[in-house]
Amino acid sequence: MLTIKELETFYWVARLGTLEKAAVKLHVTRSAVTKRLREVEESASMPLFEGDNRKNLLTPAGKELLGECERLLEVLARLEKMKGLTQQPARTLHAGLTELSALTWFGAFLKRMKSVYPTVTVQPEIDFSSLLQAKVEDGRLDLAILPELPSSSSLASVDIGHVQFGWFTGPGIFPTGEKLSLRDLAAQPVIEQSEHSIITRLCARLWEDYGLQPERIYGGNNVVALAGLVAAGVGISCLPVSLFSKEVAQGKMELIETSPPAPSVRYVCVFPQHPNAEMGYSVAEIARQCCTFSIE
């Protein structure tokens, strides 16, 4: 008789398309996935995939079994919920996040998670948003909290909040209290993160829309380091407003009012849309409650 683990393995191989991705998702070796899948295929007594190497193309029998596995996993998820949060088995939740979340509210999130899910250990991974979403899509992460990207049919997305960015400069670079145009700003070097950064891409699009080509300086991928370069008078940078209010109050940097204003970035929690997605929605709600970004 087939086990739950064997059927779950078939489900994730079919969903993710390769044995390697299923092994990463299930946190087991590739050989363990191969063994479990072989048991499922032998029990079915008919081909479940169209080819040996392409595991994302199911035969009619494979599609039927995938539907049965989805229903089974939904039932198991409901049973786990009925057992109560404190009775859930110990597990590791692999969560991706960007630097801004790590610098602000993620510590409070970890404390709340430990209170609500005492048997769950959160393993964070900090990276750029596009890279994090790719890791969620191929099963290397369980979820990620990141700036909103183009939607993916395989992922659920829950709003967390939005971050207002602003243009920062060193003291005395521009007249105090004046609203400046992008052309005014373009006279100064622009300090930015790599092209993987969502704010770098948004600002690049803004310059392009207004036909401007300022000098662009790579300042590293740490927003605190970028703020240090701004305070030193190296150039201007588009940074989260709330993160550097103290530096503005101390006169180390100035926040410039511009027309058009700097971008606002919406943050979301993304996770695979599958029968066990209820955990993702629950964690997303905890993140929304702990998030110190603005909520519209």
Protein backbone atom coordinates (compact mmCIF):
# COMPACT_ATOMS: atom_id res chain seq x y z
CA MET A 1 0.00 0.00 0.00
CA LEU A 2 1.26 3.48 -0.88
CA THR A 3 2.25 5.85 1.91
CA ILE A 4 1.37 9.53 2.33
CA LYS A 5 5.02 10.45 1.73
CA GLU A 6 5.07 8.57 -1.57
CA LEU A 7 1.90 10.26 -2.80
CA GLU A 8 3.14 13.65 -1.62
CA THR A 9 6.38 13.04 -3.52
CA PHE A 10 4.46 12.25 -6.73
CA TYR A 11 2.43 15.44 -6.22
CA TRP A 12 5.50 17.67 -5.94
CA VAL A 13 7.35 15.99 -8.81
CA ALA A 14 4.28 16.59 -10.99
CA ARG A 15 3.91 20.18 -9.78
CA LEU A 16 7.59 21.21 -9.99
CA GLY A 17 8.59 19.15 -13.03
CA THR A 18 11.87 17.58 -11.88
CA LEU A 19 13.11 15.15 -9.25
CA GLU A 20 15.71 17.69 -8.10
CA LYS A 21 13.17 20.43 -7.38
CA ALA A 22 10.88 18.00 -5.55
CA ALA A 23 13.81 16.84 -3.42
CA VAL A 24 14.60 20.45 -2.44
CA LYS A 25 10.95 21.15 -1.65
CA LEU A 26 10.58 18.03 0.51
CA HIS A 27 14.05 18.43 2.07
CA VAL A 28 15.09 14.89 1.12
CA THR A 29 17.73 13.43 -1.19
CA ARG A 30 17.14 12.90 -4.89
CA SER A 31 17.51 9.16 -4.38
CA ALA A 32 14.71 9.23 -1.80
CA VAL A 33 12.46 10.98 -4.32
CA THR A 34 13.40 8.46 -7.01
CA LYS A 35 12.59 5.53 -4.70
CA ARG A 36 9.23 6.95 -3.62
CA LEU A 37 8.23 7.80 -7.18
CA ARG A 38 9.16 4.31 -8.34
CA GLU A 39 6.82 2.84 -5.71
CA VAL A 40 3.97 5.05 -6.96
CA GLU A 41 4.57 4.15 -10.62
CA GLU A 42 4.79 0.42 -9.83
CA SER A 43 1.57 0.58 -7.84
CA ALA A 44 -0.22 2.41 -10.68
CA SER A 45 0.86 -0.32 -13.17
CA MET A 46 0.74 2.24 -15.99
CA PRO A 47 2.81 5.27 -17.08
CA LEU A 48 2.16 8.47 -15.11
CA PHE A 49 4.48 10.73 -17.11
CA GLU A 50 4.80 11.18 -20.88
CA GLY A 51 8.58 10.65 -20.79
CA ASP A 52 11.34 9.53 -18.46
CA ASN A 53 13.09 12.92 -18.37
CA ARG A 54 10.14 15.33 -18.52
CA LYS A 55 8.18 15.10 -15.28
CA ASN A 56 5.89 18.04 -16.01
CA LEU A 57 3.94 16.23 -18.73
CA LEU A 58 1.40 13.85 -17.21
CA THR A 59 -0.42 11.00 -18.90
CA PRO A 60 -4.21 10.83 -18.42
CA ALA A 61 -3.62 8.40 -15.53
CA GLY A 62 -1.06 10.81 -14.05
CA LYS A 63 -3.50 13.71 -14.24
CA GLU A 64 -6.16 11.62 -12.52
CA LEU A 65 -3.76 10.62 -9.75
CA LEU A 66 -2.62 14.24 -9.33
CA GLY A 67 -6.23 15.27 -8.71
CA GLU A 68 -6.65 12.52 -6.12
CA CYS A 69 -3.43 13.58 -4.39
CA GLU A 70 -4.64 17.20 -4.23
CA ARG A 71 -7.86 16.10 -2.55
CA LEU A 72 -5.95 13.86 -0.13
CA LEU A 73 -3.56 16.66 0.86
CA GLU A 74 -6.50 19.02 1.40
CA VAL A 75 -8.05 16.52 3.82
CA LEU A 76 -4.75 16.06 5.65
CA ALA A 77 -4.35 19.84 5.96
CA ARG A 78 -7.80 20.13 7.53
CA LEU A 79 -6.99 17.29 9.95
CA GLU A 80 -3.77 19.03 11.00
CA LYS A 81 -5.73 22.20 11.68
CA MET A 82 -8.24 20.29 13.82
CA LYS A 83 -5.41 18.89 15.93
CA GLY A 84 -4.56 22.40 17.07
CA LEU A 85 -1.50 24.55 16.50
CA THR A 86 0.44 23.25 19.49
CA GLN A 87 0.11 19.65 18.29
CA GLN A 88 1.63 20.25 14.86
CA PRO A 89 4.87 18.39 14.12
CA ALA A 90 8.16 20.25 14.25
CA ARG A 91 9.20 21.68 10.90
CA THR A 92 11.38 24.35 9.30
CA LEU A 93 9.78 27.16 7.33
CA HIS A 94 12.16 28.52 4.70
CA ALA A 95 11.23 32.20 4.29
CA GLY A 96 12.76 34.71 1.90
CA LEU A 97 12.84 38.44 2.55
CA THR A 98 14.52 41.57 1.29
CA GLU A 99 16.93 43.71 3.26
CA LEU A 100 14.34 46.35 4.19
CA SER A 101 12.10 43.86 6.01
CA ALA A 102 15.14 42.39 7.79
CA LEU A 103 16.18 45.85 9.00
CA THR A 104 12.76 46.85 10.31
CA TRP A 105 10.05 44.45 11.51
CA PHE A 106 11.28 40.89 10.85
CA GLY A 107 12.46 40.42 14.44
CA ALA A 108 8.91 41.03 15.71
CA PHE A 109 7.63 38.57 13.11
CA LEU A 110 9.96 35.84 14.37
CA LYS A 111 8.75 36.36 17.94
CA ARG A 112 5.08 36.20 16.89
CA MET A 113 5.70 33.07 14.82
CA LYS A 114 7.31 31.34 17.80
CA SER A 115 4.29 32.25 19.92
CA VAL A 116 1.70 31.06 17.39
CA TYR A 117 3.66 28.12 15.95
CA PRO A 118 5.99 26.93 18.73
CA THR A 119 7.08 23.85 16.75
CA VAL A 120 7.99 25.81 13.61
CA THR A 121 11.52 27.15 13.08
CA VAL A 122 11.77 30.01 10.59
CA GLN A 123 14.91 29.87 8.43
CA PRO A 124 15.28 33.30 6.76
CA GLU A 125 17.10 33.96 3.50
CA ILE A 126 17.82 37.57 2.44
CA ASP A 127 18.07 38.31 -1.29
CA PHE A 128 16.64 40.43 -4.09
CA SER A 129 12.91 40.16 -4.82
CA SER A 130 13.14 38.62 -8.31
CA LEU A 131 15.54 35.93 -7.07
CA LEU A 132 13.36 35.17 -4.05
CA GLN A 133 10.22 34.74 -6.14
CA ALA A 134 12.05 32.33 -8.44
CA LYS A 135 13.11 30.28 -5.41
CA VAL A 136 9.50 30.07 -4.18
CA GLU A 137 8.34 29.00 -7.65
CA ASP A 138 10.83 26.14 -7.88
CA GLY A 139 10.36 24.95 -4.29
CA ARG A 140 13.60 26.17 -2.68
CA LEU A 141 11.62 28.51 -0.38
CA ASP A 142 8.24 27.96 1.29
CA LEU A 143 7.32 31.65 1.01
CA ALA A 144 8.83 35.08 0.52
CA ILE A 145 8.02 38.63 1.62
CA LEU A 146 9.02 40.97 -1.18
CA PRO A 147 8.05 43.93 -3.36
CA GLU A 148 5.17 43.07 -5.66
CA LEU A 149 6.30 41.55 -8.97
CA PRO A 150 4.33 40.44 -12.04
CA SER A 151 1.84 37.80 -10.90
CA SER A 152 2.53 34.10 -11.25
CA SER A 153 -0.26 31.57 -11.79
CA SER A 154 1.48 29.11 -9.47
CA LEU A 155 1.74 31.51 -6.51
CA ALA A 156 -0.73 33.02 -4.07
CA SER A 157 -0.07 36.65 -3.10
CA VAL A 158 -1.21 38.51 0.04
CA ASP A 159 -0.72 42.27 0.56
CA ILE A 160 1.53 43.16 3.51
CA GLY A 161 1.87 46.94 3.16
CA HIS A 162 3.60 49.58 1.08
CA VAL A 163 6.82 51.56 1.46
CA GLN A 164 7.20 55.18 0.41
CA PHE A 165 10.61 55.96 -1.02
CA GLY A 166 12.10 59.44 -1.27
CA TRP A 167 15.08 61.22 -2.79
CA PHE A 168 17.82 61.86 -0.24
CA THR A 169 20.82 64.15 -0.59
CA GLY A 170 23.63 65.47 1.55
CA PRO A 171 23.13 68.75 3.43
CA GLY A 172 23.27 71.96 1.36
CA ILE A 173 23.28 70.36 -2.09
CA PHE A 174 19.90 71.85 -3.07
CA PRO A 175 17.99 74.93 -1.79
CA THR A 176 16.02 74.08 1.34
CA GLY A 177 12.23 73.80 1.07
CA GLU A 178 11.96 73.86 -2.73
CA LYS A 179 10.13 71.23 -4.79
CA LEU A 180 12.57 69.99 -7.42
CA SER A 181 12.07 68.38 -10.80
CA LEU A 182 13.74 65.18 -11.94
CA ARG A 183 15.89 67.30 -14.22
CA ASP A 184 17.18 69.12 -11.14
CA LEU A 185 18.02 65.82 -9.50
CA ALA A 186 19.71 64.49 -12.64
CA ALA A 187 22.45 67.09 -12.23
CA GLN A 188 23.76 64.98 -9.32
CA PRO A 189 25.23 61.45 -9.46
CA VAL A 190 22.61 58.85 -8.56
CA ILE A 191 23.78 56.18 -6.10
CA GLU A 192 21.89 52.93 -6.55
CA GLN A 193 21.84 49.21 -5.88
CA SER A 194 22.28 46.51 -8.53
CA GLU A 195 19.81 45.96 -11.36
CA HIS A 196 18.14 43.18 -9.32
CA SER A 197 16.78 45.80 -6.90
CA ILE A 198 13.14 46.74 -7.50
CA ILE A 199 13.76 50.41 -6.65
CA THR A 200 16.71 50.54 -9.06
CA ARG A 201 14.48 49.26 -11.85
CA LEU A 202 11.65 51.65 -10.97
CA CYS A 203 13.95 54.67 -10.90
CA ALA A 204 15.63 53.64 -14.16
CA ARG A 205 12.18 53.53 -15.77
CA LEU A 206 11.43 56.98 -14.31
CA TRP A 207 14.60 58.50 -15.78
CA GLU A 208 13.83 56.89 -19.13
CA ASP A 209 10.22 58.16 -19.16
CA TYR A 210 11.48 61.74 -18.68
CA GLY A 211 14.32 61.40 -21.18
CA LEU A 212 17.05 61.89 -18.57
CA GLN A 213 20.44 60.18 -18.28
CA PRO A 214 22.03 61.05 -14.93
CA GLU A 215 25.35 59.62 -13.88
CA ARG A 216 24.53 56.35 -12.11
CA ILE A 217 26.89 55.00 -9.46
CA TYR A 218 26.73 51.49 -8.02
CA GLY A 219 26.92 51.96 -4.26
CA GLY A 220 26.48 48.35 -3.13
CA ASN A 221 23.45 46.37 -2.05
CA ASN A 222 23.15 47.67 1.51
CA VAL A 223 20.77 50.62 1.93
CA VAL A 224 22.60 51.78 5.08
CA ALA A 225 25.84 51.96 3.07
CA LEU A 226 24.03 53.93 0.37
CA ALA A 227 22.79 56.39 3.00
CA GLY A 228 26.38 56.81 4.21
CA LEU A 229 27.51 57.77 0.70
CA VAL A 230 24.63 60.24 0.42
CA ALA A 231 25.52 61.84 3.77
CA ALA A 232 29.13 62.13 2.57
CA GLY A 233 27.98 64.17 -0.44
CA VAL A 234 28.83 61.58 -3.09
CA GLY A 235 25.40 61.88 -4.73
CA ILE A 236 21.66 61.37 -4.29
CA SER A 237 19.76 58.14 -3.73
CA CYS A 238 16.18 56.89 -3.59
CA LEU A 239 15.74 55.32 -0.14
CA PRO A 240 12.90 54.24 2.20
CA VAL A 241 11.65 57.41 3.90
CA SER A 242 10.83 55.86 7.28
CA LEU A 243 14.21 54.13 7.61
CA PHE A 244 16.22 57.36 7.62
CA SER A 245 14.00 59.85 9.44
CA LYS A 246 16.53 59.98 12.29
CA GLU A 247 19.38 60.96 9.95
CA VAL A 248 17.21 63.71 8.45
CA ALA A 249 16.32 65.03 11.94
CA GLN A 250 20.02 65.06 12.84
CA GLY A 251 20.89 67.04 9.71
CA LYS A 252 23.04 64.27 8.22
CA MET A 253 20.84 64.01 5.12
CA GLU A 254 18.02 65.97 3.52
CA LEU A 255 14.79 64.53 2.09
CA ILE A 256 13.97 66.32 -1.16
CA GLU A 257 10.39 67.00 -2.28
CA THR A 258 10.13 66.23 -5.97
CA SER A 259 7.67 66.38 -8.85
CA PRO A 260 6.89 63.67 -9.74
CA PRO A 261 7.31 62.07 -6.29
CA ALA A 262 9.59 59.11 -5.66
CA PRO A 263 8.03 55.64 -6.13
CA SER A 264 5.91 53.80 -3.57
CA VAL A 265 6.51 50.04 -3.44
CA ARG A 266 3.88 47.53 -2.39
CA TYR A 267 5.08 44.48 -0.44
CA VAL A 268 3.42 41.07 -0.58
CA CYS A 269 3.83 37.60 0.86
CA VAL A 270 3.97 34.95 -1.89
CA PHE A 271 3.74 31.17 -1.51
CA PRO A 272 2.76 28.17 -3.68
CA GLN A 273 -0.92 27.88 -4.49
CA HIS A 274 -1.56 24.25 -3.55
CA PRO A 275 -3.76 22.22 -1.16
CA ASN A 276 -1.50 23.02 1.82
CA ALA A 277 -1.59 26.76 1.16
CA GLU A 278 -3.52 27.46 4.36
CA MET A 279 -0.22 27.69 6.26
CA GLY A 280 0.92 30.34 3.79
CA TYR A 281 -2.18 32.47 4.36
CA SER A 282 -1.77 32.17 8.13
CA VAL A 283 1.90 33.20 8.03
CA ALA A 284 1.07 36.06 5.65
CA GLU A 285 -1.48 37.40 8.15
CA ILE A 286 1.13 37.27 10.94
CA ALA A 287 3.53 39.16 8.67
CA ARG A 288 0.88 41.78 7.90
CA GLN A 289 0.23 42.31 11.62
CA CYS A 290 3.95 42.70 12.41
CA CYS A 291 4.85 44.77 9.35
CA THR A 292 5.65 48.41 10.12
CA PHE A 293 5.12 49.48 6.50
CA SER A 294 2.05 51.60 5.72
CA ILE A 295 -1.26 49.78 5.13
CA GLU A 296 -3.71 51.26 2.64
